[in-house]
Amino acid sequence: MPDVTELLVAWGRGDEQAFGALMPEVHKELHRIAERYMASERPGHDLQATALVNEAYLRLVDWKHIRWADRAHFFAMAANMMRRVLVDHARRRDRLKRGGEVIHVSLVDAARVAGPARADVLALNDALDRLERVDPRKSRIVEMRFFGGLSLEETAEALHVSVATVRRDWAFARAWLFRELRTTPGGTG
């Protein structure tokens, strides 16, 4: 089994064969992360885990000559790409709701599709942007843990901090985001 970090470094140097060997290695992990995230989305979400992985993959492929530090760095960037894909998708969905490409739906169908109230991806994205202005590291930790599904250890490795620091920052960030999402329009409160 090839080492993911070695393949990433080789790919960063422009080795296309390394890229070919890398993708099967990371695809399963990216799909696991996407499935985990999509499980927390509203019922009936029209973006599937495979589509999320594919779109994030296409965005990552454009970064051919990035200097990948290691596996954790790659998955941190993948988490960032998945967040961007979900935010773009939510913005597109909201734009369509406001009249772009109008689709007529019966009240019965609309009632069936409506799910429980949750903080949407856009509200979370806006809150994360505010958190980033207050504390960029805490924002990155949320991005890696929530959008990327990285463990405490993987997040610590990617940020070059201790697991205890990640645990502490993660607890703070969750509480901060909970408060923000409860008091902000578009949040749950």
C-alpha atoms as a PDB file:
ATOM      1  CA  MET A   1       0.000   0.000   0.000  1.00  0.00           C
ATOM      2  CA  PRO A   2       1.626   3.291  -1.025  1.00  0.00           C
ATOM      3  CA  ASP A   3       2.099   5.959   1.629  1.00  0.00           C
ATOM      4  CA  VAL A   4      -0.433   8.770   1.132  1.00  0.00           C
ATOM      5  CA  THR A   5       1.996  11.469   2.251  1.00  0.00           C
ATOM      6  CA  GLU A   6       4.659  10.291  -0.224  1.00  0.00           C
ATOM      7  CA  LEU A   7       2.103  10.260  -3.035  1.00  0.00           C
ATOM      8  CA  LEU A   8       0.906  13.752  -2.118  1.00  0.00           C
ATOM      9  CA  VAL A   9       4.456  15.114  -2.147  1.00  0.00           C
ATOM     10  CA  ALA A  10       5.146  13.461  -5.516  1.00  0.00           C
ATOM     11  CA  TRP A  11       1.883  14.814  -6.933  1.00  0.00           C
ATOM     12  CA  GLY A  12       2.809  18.285  -5.662  1.00  0.00           C
ATOM     13  CA  ARG A  13       6.013  17.995  -7.691  1.00  0.00           C
ATOM     14  CA  GLY A  14       3.940  17.273 -10.805  1.00  0.00           C
ATOM     15  CA  ASP A  15       4.098  13.457 -10.882  1.00  0.00           C
ATOM     16  CA  GLU A  16       0.833  12.469 -12.615  1.00  0.00           C
ATOM     17  CA  GLN A  17       1.385   8.758 -11.851  1.00  0.00           C
ATOM     18  CA  ALA A  18       1.465   9.602  -8.147  1.00  0.00           C
ATOM     19  CA  PHE A  19      -1.881  11.336  -8.579  1.00  0.00           C
ATOM     20  CA  GLY A  20      -3.289   8.226 -10.273  1.00  0.00           C
ATOM     21  CA  ALA A  21      -2.116   6.056  -7.369  1.00  0.00           C
ATOM     22  CA  LEU A  22      -3.288   8.570  -4.758  1.00  0.00           C
ATOM     23  CA  MET A  23      -6.922   8.953  -5.724  1.00  0.00           C
ATOM     24  CA  PRO A  24      -8.037   5.365  -5.050  1.00  0.00           C
ATOM     25  CA  GLU A  25      -6.305   5.618  -1.673  1.00  0.00           C
ATOM     26  CA  VAL A  26      -8.114   8.771  -0.573  1.00  0.00           C
ATOM     27  CA  HIS A  27     -11.440   8.342  -2.376  1.00  0.00           C
ATOM     28  CA  LYS A  28     -12.877   5.975   0.235  1.00  0.00           C
ATOM     29  CA  GLU A  29     -11.881   8.315   3.045  1.00  0.00           C
ATOM     30  CA  LEU A  30     -13.358  11.338   1.264  1.00  0.00           C
ATOM     31  CA  HIS A  31     -16.578   9.406   0.690  1.00  0.00           C
ATOM     32  CA  ARG A  32     -16.740   8.408   4.365  1.00  0.00           C
ATOM     33  CA  ILE A  33     -16.307  12.060   5.371  1.00  0.00           C
ATOM     34  CA  ALA A  34     -18.992  13.171   2.904  1.00  0.00           C
ATOM     35  CA  GLU A  35     -21.458  10.495   4.052  1.00  0.00           C
ATOM     36  CA  ARG A  36     -20.916  11.489   7.658  1.00  0.00           C
ATOM     37  CA  TYR A  37     -21.584  15.112   6.878  1.00  0.00           C
ATOM     38  CA  MET A  38     -24.571  14.456   4.627  1.00  0.00           C
ATOM     39  CA  ALA A  39     -26.160  12.342   7.368  1.00  0.00           C
ATOM     40  CA  SER A  40     -26.525  15.541   9.405  1.00  0.00           C
ATOM     41  CA  GLU A  41     -28.167  17.457   6.545  1.00  0.00           C
ATOM     42  CA  ARG A  42     -31.899  17.947   6.204  1.00  0.00           C
ATOM     43  CA  PRO A  43     -33.951  15.025   4.893  1.00  0.00           C
ATOM     44  CA  GLY A  44     -34.427  15.112   1.134  1.00  0.00           C
ATOM     45  CA  HIS A  45     -31.209  17.056   0.495  1.00  0.00           C
ATOM     46  CA  ASP A  46     -30.641  16.974  -3.244  1.00  0.00           C
ATOM     47  CA  LEU A  47     -26.843  16.714  -3.001  1.00  0.00           C
ATOM     48  CA  GLN A  48     -25.584  13.175  -2.400  1.00  0.00           C
ATOM     49  CA  ALA A  49     -22.297  12.184  -0.741  1.00  0.00           C
ATOM     50  CA  THR A  50     -20.862  10.953  -4.047  1.00  0.00           C
ATOM     51  CA  ALA A  51     -21.636  14.269  -5.753  1.00  0.00           C
ATOM     52  CA  LEU A  52     -20.041  16.134  -2.839  1.00  0.00           C
ATOM     53  CA  VAL A  53     -16.875  14.016  -3.126  1.00  0.00           C
ATOM     54  CA  ASN A  54     -16.749  14.427  -6.892  1.00  0.00           C
ATOM     55  CA  GLU A  55     -17.111  18.205  -6.751  1.00  0.00           C
ATOM     56  CA  ALA A  56     -14.506  18.534  -3.972  1.00  0.00           C
ATOM     57  CA  TYR A  57     -12.228  16.212  -5.959  1.00  0.00           C
ATOM     58  CA  LEU A  58     -12.553  18.379  -9.086  1.00  0.00           C
ATOM     59  CA  ARG A  59     -11.614  21.452  -7.080  1.00  0.00           C
ATOM     60  CA  LEU A  60      -8.634  19.706  -5.490  1.00  0.00           C
ATOM     61  CA  VAL A  61      -7.367  18.499  -8.873  1.00  0.00           C
ATOM     62  CA  ASP A  62      -6.943  22.124  -9.918  1.00  0.00           C
ATOM     63  CA  TRP A  63      -4.290  22.493  -7.232  1.00  0.00           C
ATOM     64  CA  LYS A  64      -1.661  20.515  -9.102  1.00  0.00           C
ATOM     65  CA  HIS A  65       1.477  22.110  -7.727  1.00  0.00           C
ATOM     66  CA  ILE A  66       0.601  22.694  -4.098  1.00  0.00           C
ATOM     67  CA  ARG A  67       3.200  21.567  -1.569  1.00  0.00           C
ATOM     68  CA  TRP A  68       1.249  19.031   0.478  1.00  0.00           C
ATOM     69  CA  ALA A  69       2.744  18.649   3.926  1.00  0.00           C
ATOM     70  CA  ASP A  70       1.095  15.321   4.720  1.00  0.00           C
ATOM     71  CA  ARG A  71      -2.135  13.342   4.782  1.00  0.00           C
ATOM     72  CA  ALA A  72      -3.707  15.610   7.412  1.00  0.00           C
ATOM     73  CA  HIS A  73      -2.971  18.699   5.289  1.00  0.00           C
ATOM     74  CA  PHE A  74      -4.690  17.085   2.299  1.00  0.00           C
ATOM     75  CA  PHE A  75      -7.782  16.135   4.270  1.00  0.00           C
ATOM     76  CA  ALA A  76      -7.911  19.593   5.861  1.00  0.00           C
ATOM     77  CA  MET A  77      -7.982  21.093   2.370  1.00  0.00           C
ATOM     78  CA  ALA A  78     -10.584  18.513   1.308  1.00  0.00           C
ATOM     79  CA  ALA A  79     -12.717  19.620   4.275  1.00  0.00           C
ATOM     80  CA  ASN A  80     -12.383  23.205   3.096  1.00  0.00           C
ATOM     81  CA  MET A  81     -13.418  22.197  -0.433  1.00  0.00           C
ATOM     82  CA  MET A  82     -16.443  20.258   0.852  1.00  0.00           C
ATOM     83  CA  ARG A  83     -17.493  23.290   2.882  1.00  0.00           C
ATOM     84  CA  ARG A  84     -17.209  25.490  -0.227  1.00  0.00           C
ATOM     85  CA  VAL A  85     -19.196  22.997  -2.326  1.00  0.00           C
ATOM     86  CA  LEU A  86     -21.986  22.864   0.270  1.00  0.00           C
ATOM     87  CA  VAL A  87     -22.096  26.647   0.620  1.00  0.00           C
ATOM     88  CA  ASP A  88     -22.171  27.130  -3.164  1.00  0.00           C
ATOM     89  CA  HIS A  89     -24.933  24.527  -3.415  1.00  0.00           C
ATOM     90  CA  ALA A  90     -26.961  26.222  -0.667  1.00  0.00           C
ATOM     91  CA  ARG A  91     -26.556  29.628  -2.310  1.00  0.00           C
ATOM     92  CA  ARG A  92     -27.675  28.204  -5.645  1.00  0.00           C
ATOM     93  CA  ARG A  93     -30.678  26.559  -3.944  1.00  0.00           C
ATOM     94  CA  ASP A  94     -31.621  29.851  -2.247  1.00  0.00           C
ATOM     95  CA  ARG A  95     -31.264  31.753  -5.522  1.00  0.00           C
ATOM     96  CA  LEU A  96     -33.609  29.272  -7.176  1.00  0.00           C
ATOM     97  CA  LYS A  97     -36.077  29.648  -4.301  1.00  0.00           C
ATOM     98  CA  ARG A  98     -36.217  33.378  -4.980  1.00  0.00           C
ATOM     99  CA  GLY A  99     -37.458  32.869  -8.504  1.00  0.00           C
ATOM    100  CA  GLY A 100     -34.648  31.609 -10.709  1.00  0.00           C
ATOM    101  CA  GLU A 101     -35.981  28.648 -12.713  1.00  0.00           C
ATOM    102  CA  VAL A 102     -39.405  28.576 -11.040  1.00  0.00           C
ATOM    103  CA  ILE A 103     -40.799  25.098 -10.387  1.00  0.00           C
ATOM    104  CA  HIS A 104     -44.432  24.646  -9.342  1.00  0.00           C
ATOM    105  CA  VAL A 105     -44.978  22.343  -6.379  1.00  0.00           C
ATOM    106  CA  SER A 106     -48.276  21.386  -4.790  1.00  0.00           C
ATOM    107  CA  LEU A 107     -48.875  22.173  -1.121  1.00  0.00           C
ATOM    108  CA  VAL A 108     -49.054  18.445  -0.381  1.00  0.00           C
ATOM    109  CA  ASP A 109     -45.608  17.883  -1.934  1.00  0.00           C
ATOM    110  CA  ALA A 110     -44.179  20.915  -0.140  1.00  0.00           C
ATOM    111  CA  ALA A 111     -45.445  19.651   3.225  1.00  0.00           C
ATOM    112  CA  ARG A 112     -43.879  16.251   2.564  1.00  0.00           C
ATOM    113  CA  VAL A 113     -40.467  17.754   1.766  1.00  0.00           C
ATOM    114  CA  ALA A 114     -40.343  20.215   4.669  1.00  0.00           C
ATOM    115  CA  GLY A 115     -38.198  18.884   7.488  1.00  0.00           C
ATOM    116  CA  PRO A 116     -37.408  20.042  11.013  1.00  0.00           C
ATOM    117  CA  ALA A 117     -35.876  23.499  11.422  1.00  0.00           C
ATOM    118  CA  ARG A 118     -32.066  23.357  11.431  1.00  0.00           C
ATOM    119  CA  ALA A 119     -29.300  25.844  11.025  1.00  0.00           C
ATOM    120  CA  ASP A 120     -28.603  25.829   7.330  1.00  0.00           C
ATOM    121  CA  VAL A 121     -25.208  25.652   5.678  1.00  0.00           C
ATOM    122  CA  LEU A 122     -25.261  29.360   4.803  1.00  0.00           C
ATOM    123  CA  ALA A 123     -25.934  30.409   8.395  1.00  0.00           C
ATOM    124  CA  LEU A 124     -23.153  28.100   9.579  1.00  0.00           C
ATOM    125  CA  ASN A 125     -20.809  29.445   6.917  1.00  0.00           C
ATOM    126  CA  ASP A 126     -21.544  33.043   7.948  1.00  0.00           C
ATOM    127  CA  ALA A 127     -20.995  32.168  11.608  1.00  0.00           C
ATOM    128  CA  LEU A 128     -17.719  30.434  10.734  1.00  0.00           C
ATOM    129  CA  ASP A 129     -16.603  33.533   8.844  1.00  0.00           C
ATOM    130  CA  ARG A 130     -17.330  35.624  11.960  1.00  0.00           C
ATOM    131  CA  LEU A 131     -15.460  33.122  14.131  1.00  0.00           C
ATOM    132  CA  GLU A 132     -12.508  33.297  11.741  1.00  0.00           C
ATOM    133  CA  ARG A 133     -12.283  37.049  12.322  1.00  0.00           C
ATOM    134  CA  VAL A 134     -12.222  36.402  16.092  1.00  0.00           C
ATOM    135  CA  ASP A 135      -9.983  33.310  16.095  1.00  0.00           C
ATOM    136  CA  PRO A 136      -8.829  31.768  12.790  1.00  0.00           C
ATOM    137  CA  ARG A 137      -7.546  28.561  14.381  1.00  0.00           C
ATOM    138  CA  LYS A 138     -10.870  27.780  16.022  1.00  0.00           C
ATOM    139  CA  SER A 139     -12.626  28.346  12.699  1.00  0.00           C
ATOM    140  CA  ARG A 140     -10.227  25.950  10.946  1.00  0.00           C
ATOM    141  CA  ILE A 141     -10.808  23.351  13.670  1.00  0.00           C
ATOM    142  CA  VAL A 142     -14.571  23.505  13.101  1.00  0.00           C
ATOM    143  CA  GLU A 143     -14.035  23.251   9.359  1.00  0.00           C
ATOM    144  CA  MET A 144     -11.778  20.206   9.703  1.00  0.00           C
ATOM    145  CA  ARG A 145     -13.888  18.430  12.317  1.00  0.00           C
ATOM    146  CA  PHE A 146     -17.397  19.274  11.061  1.00  0.00           C
ATOM    147  CA  PHE A 147     -16.983  19.519   7.297  1.00  0.00           C
ATOM    148  CA  GLY A 148     -13.968  17.249   6.955  1.00  0.00           C
ATOM    149  CA  GLY A 149     -14.717  14.654   9.595  1.00  0.00           C
ATOM    150  CA  LEU A 150     -11.120  14.725  10.830  1.00  0.00           C
ATOM    151  CA  SER A 151     -10.418  13.258  14.252  1.00  0.00           C
ATOM    152  CA  LEU A 152      -8.961  15.334  17.078  1.00  0.00           C
ATOM    153  CA  GLU A 153      -5.569  13.772  16.352  1.00  0.00           C
ATOM    154  CA  GLU A 154      -5.707  14.448  12.597  1.00  0.00           C
ATOM    155  CA  THR A 155      -6.779  18.038  13.218  1.00  0.00           C
ATOM    156  CA  ALA A 156      -3.937  18.544  15.696  1.00  0.00           C
ATOM    157  CA  GLU A 157      -1.482  17.117  13.179  1.00  0.00           C
ATOM    158  CA  ALA A 158      -2.738  19.370  10.382  1.00  0.00           C
ATOM    159  CA  LEU A 159      -2.525  22.497  12.555  1.00  0.00           C
ATOM    160  CA  HIS A 160       0.710  21.504  14.319  1.00  0.00           C
ATOM    161  CA  VAL A 161      -0.818  21.881  17.784  1.00  0.00           C
ATOM    162  CA  SER A 162      -1.521  19.448  20.610  1.00  0.00           C
ATOM    163  CA  VAL A 163      -4.642  17.287  20.818  1.00  0.00           C
ATOM    164  CA  ALA A 164      -5.482  19.062  24.097  1.00  0.00           C
ATOM    165  CA  THR A 165      -5.437  22.420  22.289  1.00  0.00           C
ATOM    166  CA  VAL A 166      -7.744  21.082  19.578  1.00  0.00           C
ATOM    167  CA  ARG A 167     -10.096  19.607  22.184  1.00  0.00           C
ATOM    168  CA  ARG A 168     -10.233  22.923  24.099  1.00  0.00           C
ATOM    169  CA  ASP A 169     -10.667  25.037  20.929  1.00  0.00           C
ATOM    170  CA  TRP A 170     -13.295  22.617  19.566  1.00  0.00           C
ATOM    171  CA  ALA A 171     -15.364  22.915  22.774  1.00  0.00           C
ATOM    172  CA  PHE A 172     -15.114  26.706  22.710  1.00  0.00           C
ATOM    173  CA  ALA A 173     -15.953  26.940  19.002  1.00  0.00           C
ATOM    174  CA  ARG A 174     -19.016  24.699  19.329  1.00  0.00           C
ATOM    175  CA  ALA A 175     -20.368  26.804  22.196  1.00  0.00           C
ATOM    176  CA  TRP A 176     -19.603  30.025  20.302  1.00  0.00           C
ATOM    177  CA  LEU A 177     -21.303  28.756  17.135  1.00  0.00           C
ATOM    178  CA  PHE A 178     -24.310  27.481  19.095  1.00  0.00           C
ATOM    179  CA  ARG A 179     -24.801  30.960  20.550  1.00  0.00           C
ATOM    180  CA  GLU A 180     -24.294  32.638  17.155  1.00  0.00           C
ATOM    181  CA  LEU A 181     -26.713  30.344  15.350  1.00  0.00           C
ATOM    182  CA  ARG A 182     -29.389  30.814  18.012  1.00  0.00           C
ATOM    183  CA  THR A 183     -29.223  34.609  17.892  1.00  0.00           C
ATOM    184  CA  THR A 184     -28.701  35.213  14.171  1.00  0.00           C
ATOM    185  CA  PRO A 185     -31.305  35.297  11.394  1.00  0.00           C
ATOM    186  CA  GLY A 186     -31.041  32.048   9.408  1.00  0.00           C
ATOM    187  CA  GLY A 187     -29.930  30.128  12.509  1.00  0.00           C
ATOM    188  CA  THR A 188     -32.139  27.836  14.568  1.00  0.00           C
ATOM    189  CA  GLY A 189     -33.315  30.355  17.142  1.00  0.00           C
END
